[in-house]
Amino acid sequence: GENYAIGVDSDQDHIRKGHVLTSMMKSVDLAVFDAVKSLKEGKFAGGTKVLGVKEQGVHLSPMTYTKDKVPATVLAEIDKVTKAIADGKIVVPSTQDQLKAFKSPTL
C-alpha cells in the first residue's frame, strides 16, 4: 500500500513527491505584509489578529504531485467545506471543549 503524509506550515509536497498528500499552509507572508502596511498607514494596533480561511491566512497546498490521486468528488467536498468555513457556516473549534461539542452541519 501507499503511505502518505500531510505537511504543515508550508508547502512540503515536494519533499517526497507523490507521498505528501497535501500541506496545511500558513500565509505568514500575508500576515507580515498586512502588519507592515498598517504600520506604514499609521493604523497599526497591537494585539492578536487572526487570519483564518476567510482571510486566506491558512489554506491547503496546491497538491502538485498528488491531486490526481484524490477523487474529484473529494476535491469538490474540500472546496465546499472551505467555502462554508470562510462564510461562517462552519465554525472551526478552537478549544478542546468546542471540539468535543462540534457537530458538522449538513452542507
N, C-alpha and C. Protein backbone atom coordinates (compact mmCIF):
# COMPACT_ATOMS: atom_id res chain seq x y z
N GLY A 1 0.81 -1.19 0.00
CA GLY A 1 0.00 0.00 0.00
C GLY A 1 0.85 1.25 0.00
N GLU A 2 0.21 2.32 -0.34
CA GLU A 2 0.87 3.63 -0.35
C GLU A 2 0.87 4.23 1.05
N ASN A 3 1.90 4.97 1.36
CA ASN A 3 1.98 5.73 2.59
C ASN A 3 1.97 7.20 2.23
N TYR A 4 1.16 7.96 2.99
CA TYR A 4 1.04 9.39 2.72
C TYR A 4 1.30 10.17 4.01
N ALA A 5 1.73 11.39 3.84
CA ALA A 5 1.91 12.31 4.95
C ALA A 5 1.18 13.60 4.61
N ILE A 6 0.95 14.42 5.62
CA ILE A 6 0.38 15.75 5.44
C ILE A 6 1.38 16.73 6.04
N GLY A 7 1.84 17.67 5.21
CA GLY A 7 2.79 18.67 5.67
C GLY A 7 2.09 19.77 6.46
N VAL A 8 2.88 20.59 7.11
CA VAL A 8 2.31 21.67 7.91
C VAL A 8 3.16 22.93 7.80
N ASP A 9 2.49 24.06 7.82
CA ASP A 9 3.07 25.41 7.84
C ASP A 9 3.51 25.92 6.47
N SER A 10 4.08 25.07 5.63
CA SER A 10 4.50 25.49 4.30
C SER A 10 4.23 24.34 3.33
N ASP A 11 4.33 24.61 2.05
CA ASP A 11 4.09 23.59 1.03
C ASP A 11 5.25 22.58 1.07
N GLN A 12 4.99 21.41 1.60
CA GLN A 12 6.01 20.38 1.72
C GLN A 12 5.79 19.25 0.70
N ASP A 13 4.91 19.48 -0.27
CA ASP A 13 4.58 18.45 -1.24
C ASP A 13 5.80 17.94 -1.99
N HIS A 14 6.80 18.79 -2.17
CA HIS A 14 7.99 18.42 -2.94
C HIS A 14 8.96 17.52 -2.17
N ILE A 15 8.81 17.43 -0.86
CA ILE A 15 9.77 16.68 -0.04
C ILE A 15 9.79 15.20 -0.42
N ARG A 16 8.63 14.64 -0.62
CA ARG A 16 8.52 13.25 -1.06
C ARG A 16 7.40 13.22 -2.09
N LYS A 17 7.75 13.61 -3.30
CA LYS A 17 6.78 13.78 -4.38
C LYS A 17 5.86 12.56 -4.50
N GLY A 18 4.56 12.84 -4.47
CA GLY A 18 3.57 11.78 -4.60
C GLY A 18 3.20 11.12 -3.29
N HIS A 19 3.89 11.48 -2.19
CA HIS A 19 3.60 10.88 -0.90
C HIS A 19 3.19 11.89 0.17
N VAL A 20 3.46 13.17 -0.06
CA VAL A 20 2.93 14.21 0.82
C VAL A 20 1.62 14.64 0.16
N LEU A 21 0.53 14.11 0.69
CA LEU A 21 -0.77 14.29 0.05
C LEU A 21 -1.09 15.77 -0.15
N THR A 22 -0.91 16.55 0.90
CA THR A 22 -1.12 17.99 0.85
C THR A 22 -0.39 18.59 2.03
N SER A 23 -0.36 19.89 2.09
CA SER A 23 0.20 20.59 3.24
C SER A 23 -0.80 21.64 3.69
N MET A 24 -0.93 21.79 4.99
CA MET A 24 -1.76 22.87 5.55
C MET A 24 -0.83 24.06 5.71
N MET A 25 -1.04 25.07 4.88
CA MET A 25 -0.12 26.18 4.80
C MET A 25 -0.57 27.40 5.61
N LYS A 26 0.39 28.04 6.26
CA LYS A 26 0.15 29.31 6.95
C LYS A 26 0.75 30.41 6.09
N SER A 27 -0.02 31.42 5.82
CA SER A 27 0.45 32.54 4.99
C SER A 27 1.09 33.60 5.88
N VAL A 28 2.25 33.26 6.42
CA VAL A 28 2.98 34.21 7.28
C VAL A 28 3.33 35.46 6.48
N ASP A 29 3.63 35.28 5.20
CA ASP A 29 3.96 36.42 4.35
C ASP A 29 2.80 37.43 4.31
N LEU A 30 1.58 36.94 4.26
CA LEU A 30 0.40 37.80 4.25
C LEU A 30 0.27 38.55 5.58
N ALA A 31 0.50 37.85 6.67
CA ALA A 31 0.42 38.47 7.99
C ALA A 31 1.46 39.58 8.14
N VAL A 32 2.67 39.31 7.70
CA VAL A 32 3.74 40.32 7.80
C VAL A 32 3.42 41.51 6.90
N PHE A 33 2.97 41.23 5.67
CA PHE A 33 2.62 42.31 4.75
C PHE A 33 1.53 43.20 5.34
N ASP A 34 0.48 42.58 5.89
CA ASP A 34 -0.61 43.36 6.48
C ASP A 34 -0.14 44.21 7.65
N ALA A 35 0.75 43.64 8.48
CA ALA A 35 1.26 44.39 9.63
C ALA A 35 2.09 45.58 9.18
N VAL A 36 2.97 45.38 8.21
CA VAL A 36 3.82 46.47 7.72
C VAL A 36 2.97 47.54 7.03
N LYS A 37 1.99 47.09 6.25
CA LYS A 37 1.10 48.04 5.56
C LYS A 37 0.33 48.90 6.57
N SER A 38 -0.22 48.25 7.61
CA SER A 38 -0.98 49.02 8.60
C SER A 38 -0.06 49.97 9.37
N LEU A 39 1.19 49.57 9.61
CA LEU A 39 2.15 50.44 10.28
C LEU A 39 2.46 51.65 9.40
N LYS A 40 2.69 51.40 8.11
CA LYS A 40 3.00 52.48 7.17
C LYS A 40 1.85 53.47 7.06
N GLU A 41 0.61 52.96 7.14
CA GLU A 41 -0.57 53.82 7.03
C GLU A 41 -0.96 54.45 8.36
N GLY A 42 -0.18 54.17 9.42
CA GLY A 42 -0.48 54.72 10.74
C GLY A 42 -1.69 54.09 11.40
N LYS A 43 -2.05 52.89 10.97
CA LYS A 43 -3.24 52.21 11.51
C LYS A 43 -2.89 50.98 12.35
N PHE A 44 -1.60 50.76 12.60
CA PHE A 44 -1.19 49.57 13.33
C PHE A 44 -1.67 49.62 14.77
N ALA A 45 -2.21 48.49 15.22
CA ALA A 45 -2.62 48.35 16.62
C ALA A 45 -2.11 47.01 17.11
N GLY A 46 -1.53 46.99 18.29
CA GLY A 46 -1.03 45.75 18.86
C GLY A 46 -2.18 44.82 19.20
N GLY A 47 -1.85 43.59 19.51
CA GLY A 47 -2.86 42.62 19.89
C GLY A 47 -2.85 41.42 18.98
N THR A 48 -3.85 40.62 19.13
CA THR A 48 -3.95 39.39 18.36
C THR A 48 -4.80 39.61 17.12
N LYS A 49 -4.29 39.17 16.01
CA LYS A 49 -5.04 39.24 14.76
C LYS A 49 -5.08 37.83 14.18
N VAL A 50 -6.26 37.36 13.87
CA VAL A 50 -6.42 36.01 13.35
C VAL A 50 -6.67 36.09 11.84
N LEU A 51 -5.85 35.38 11.10
CA LEU A 51 -6.03 35.25 9.66
C LEU A 51 -6.36 33.79 9.39
N GLY A 52 -7.64 33.53 9.22
CA GLY A 52 -8.09 32.16 9.00
C GLY A 52 -8.35 31.87 7.54
N VAL A 53 -9.23 30.92 7.30
CA VAL A 53 -9.57 30.52 5.94
C VAL A 53 -10.16 31.70 5.16
N LYS A 54 -11.07 32.43 5.78
CA LYS A 54 -11.71 33.56 5.11
C LYS A 54 -10.69 34.60 4.64
N GLU A 55 -9.69 34.84 5.48
CA GLU A 55 -8.68 35.86 5.17
C GLU A 55 -7.52 35.29 4.36
N GLN A 56 -7.59 34.03 4.01
CA GLN A 56 -6.54 33.31 3.28
C GLN A 56 -5.24 33.20 4.07
N GLY A 57 -5.38 33.21 5.40
CA GLY A 57 -4.23 33.05 6.27
C GLY A 57 -3.80 31.59 6.40
N VAL A 58 -4.73 30.68 6.18
CA VAL A 58 -4.44 29.24 6.15
C VAL A 58 -5.16 28.64 4.95
N HIS A 59 -4.50 27.68 4.33
CA HIS A 59 -5.10 27.03 3.17
C HIS A 59 -4.31 25.77 2.83
N LEU A 60 -4.89 24.95 1.99
CA LEU A 60 -4.20 23.74 1.54
C LEU A 60 -3.22 24.09 0.43
N SER A 61 -2.18 23.29 0.33
CA SER A 61 -1.25 23.43 -0.79
C SER A 61 -1.95 23.04 -2.08
N PRO A 62 -1.36 23.34 -3.21
CA PRO A 62 -2.00 23.00 -4.49
C PRO A 62 -1.98 21.51 -4.82
N MET A 63 -1.37 20.68 -3.96
CA MET A 63 -1.31 19.23 -4.18
C MET A 63 -0.69 18.91 -5.54
N THR A 64 0.41 19.56 -5.83
CA THR A 64 1.07 19.46 -7.13
C THR A 64 1.34 18.02 -7.57
N TYR A 65 1.75 17.17 -6.65
CA TYR A 65 2.14 15.81 -7.02
C TYR A 65 1.13 14.74 -6.62
N THR A 66 0.00 15.16 -6.04
CA THR A 66 -0.96 14.16 -5.56
C THR A 66 -2.41 14.43 -5.96
N LYS A 67 -2.69 15.59 -6.53
CA LYS A 67 -4.08 15.94 -6.84
C LYS A 67 -4.75 14.88 -7.72
N ASP A 68 -3.97 14.27 -8.61
CA ASP A 68 -4.53 13.24 -9.48
C ASP A 68 -4.88 11.95 -8.74
N LYS A 69 -4.43 11.80 -7.50
CA LYS A 69 -4.73 10.62 -6.69
C LYS A 69 -5.99 10.80 -5.86
N VAL A 70 -6.53 12.02 -5.81
CA VAL A 70 -7.70 12.32 -4.99
C VAL A 70 -8.92 12.41 -5.92
N PRO A 71 -9.98 11.65 -5.62
CA PRO A 71 -11.17 11.70 -6.47
C PRO A 71 -11.75 13.11 -6.56
N ALA A 72 -12.29 13.43 -7.73
CA ALA A 72 -12.89 14.75 -7.97
C ALA A 72 -13.98 15.05 -6.95
N THR A 73 -14.72 14.03 -6.53
CA THR A 73 -15.79 14.25 -5.54
C THR A 73 -15.22 14.72 -4.21
N VAL A 74 -14.05 14.20 -3.83
CA VAL A 74 -13.41 14.61 -2.58
C VAL A 74 -12.89 16.03 -2.70
N LEU A 75 -12.28 16.36 -3.84
CA LEU A 75 -11.80 17.73 -4.06
C LEU A 75 -12.96 18.72 -4.02
N ALA A 76 -14.10 18.34 -4.59
CA ALA A 76 -15.29 19.20 -4.57
C ALA A 76 -15.79 19.38 -3.14
N GLU A 77 -15.74 18.32 -2.34
CA GLU A 77 -16.17 18.41 -0.94
C GLU A 77 -15.24 19.31 -0.15
N ILE A 78 -13.94 19.22 -0.42
CA ILE A 78 -12.97 20.11 0.23
C ILE A 78 -13.30 21.56 -0.10
N ASP A 79 -13.58 21.84 -1.36
CA ASP A 79 -13.95 23.21 -1.76
C ASP A 79 -15.21 23.67 -1.05
N LYS A 80 -16.19 22.79 -0.92
CA LYS A 80 -17.46 23.13 -0.28
C LYS A 80 -17.25 23.45 1.21
N VAL A 81 -16.45 22.63 1.87
CA VAL A 81 -16.18 22.85 3.30
C VAL A 81 -15.36 24.13 3.48
N THR A 82 -14.39 24.35 2.63
CA THR A 82 -13.57 25.57 2.70
C THR A 82 -14.45 26.81 2.57
N LYS A 83 -15.37 26.80 1.62
CA LYS A 83 -16.29 27.92 1.43
C LYS A 83 -17.19 28.09 2.66
N ALA A 84 -17.67 26.98 3.21
CA ALA A 84 -18.54 27.06 4.39
C ALA A 84 -17.80 27.65 5.59
N ILE A 85 -16.53 27.32 5.74
CA ILE A 85 -15.73 27.91 6.82
C ILE A 85 -15.55 29.41 6.57
N ALA A 86 -15.20 29.78 5.34
CA ALA A 86 -15.00 31.19 5.00
C ALA A 86 -16.28 32.00 5.19
N ASP A 87 -17.42 31.38 4.89
CA ASP A 87 -18.72 32.06 5.02
C ASP A 87 -19.26 32.05 6.45
N GLY A 88 -18.58 31.36 7.36
CA GLY A 88 -19.03 31.30 8.75
C GLY A 88 -20.09 30.25 9.01
N LYS A 89 -20.41 29.42 8.03
CA LYS A 89 -21.41 28.36 8.23
C LYS A 89 -20.84 27.22 9.06
N ILE A 90 -19.54 27.06 9.01
CA ILE A 90 -18.85 26.12 9.88
C ILE A 90 -17.87 26.94 10.71
N VAL A 91 -17.96 26.82 12.02
CA VAL A 91 -17.02 27.50 12.91
C VAL A 91 -16.05 26.43 13.42
N VAL A 92 -14.78 26.61 13.09
CA VAL A 92 -13.77 25.64 13.46
C VAL A 92 -13.52 25.74 14.96
N PRO A 93 -13.58 24.61 15.67
CA PRO A 93 -13.35 24.64 17.12
C PRO A 93 -11.95 25.13 17.45
N SER A 94 -11.82 25.90 18.54
CA SER A 94 -10.51 26.40 18.93
C SER A 94 -10.12 25.97 20.34
N THR A 95 -10.99 25.21 21.01
CA THR A 95 -10.67 24.67 22.34
C THR A 95 -11.07 23.19 22.36
N GLN A 96 -10.59 22.47 23.33
CA GLN A 96 -10.95 21.05 23.47
C GLN A 96 -12.46 20.90 23.70
N ASP A 97 -13.04 21.79 24.53
CA ASP A 97 -14.48 21.71 24.79
C ASP A 97 -15.29 21.96 23.52
N GLN A 98 -14.86 22.95 22.73
CA GLN A 98 -15.56 23.22 21.46
C GLN A 98 -15.43 22.03 20.51
N LEU A 99 -14.27 21.40 20.52
CA LEU A 99 -14.07 20.24 19.66
C LEU A 99 -14.98 19.08 20.07
N LYS A 100 -15.09 18.84 21.36
CA LYS A 100 -15.95 17.77 21.86
C LYS A 100 -17.42 18.02 21.50
N ALA A 101 -17.82 19.29 21.50
CA ALA A 101 -19.22 19.65 21.22
C ALA A 101 -19.50 19.85 19.74
N PHE A 102 -18.46 19.82 18.90
CA PHE A 102 -18.61 20.15 17.48
C PHE A 102 -19.48 19.13 16.75
N LYS A 103 -20.44 19.65 16.02
CA LYS A 103 -21.29 18.85 15.12
C LYS A 103 -21.22 19.51 13.76
N SER A 104 -20.72 18.80 12.78
CA SER A 104 -20.60 19.36 11.44
C SER A 104 -21.99 19.52 10.80
N PRO A 105 -22.27 20.70 10.29
CA PRO A 105 -23.57 20.91 9.64
C PRO A 105 -23.64 20.18 8.31
N THR A 106 -24.84 19.88 7.89
CA THR A 106 -25.04 19.29 6.58
C THR A 106 -24.91 20.40 5.55
N LEU A 107 -24.06 20.18 4.57
CA LEU A 107 -23.84 21.22 3.56
C LEU A 107 -24.58 20.89 2.30
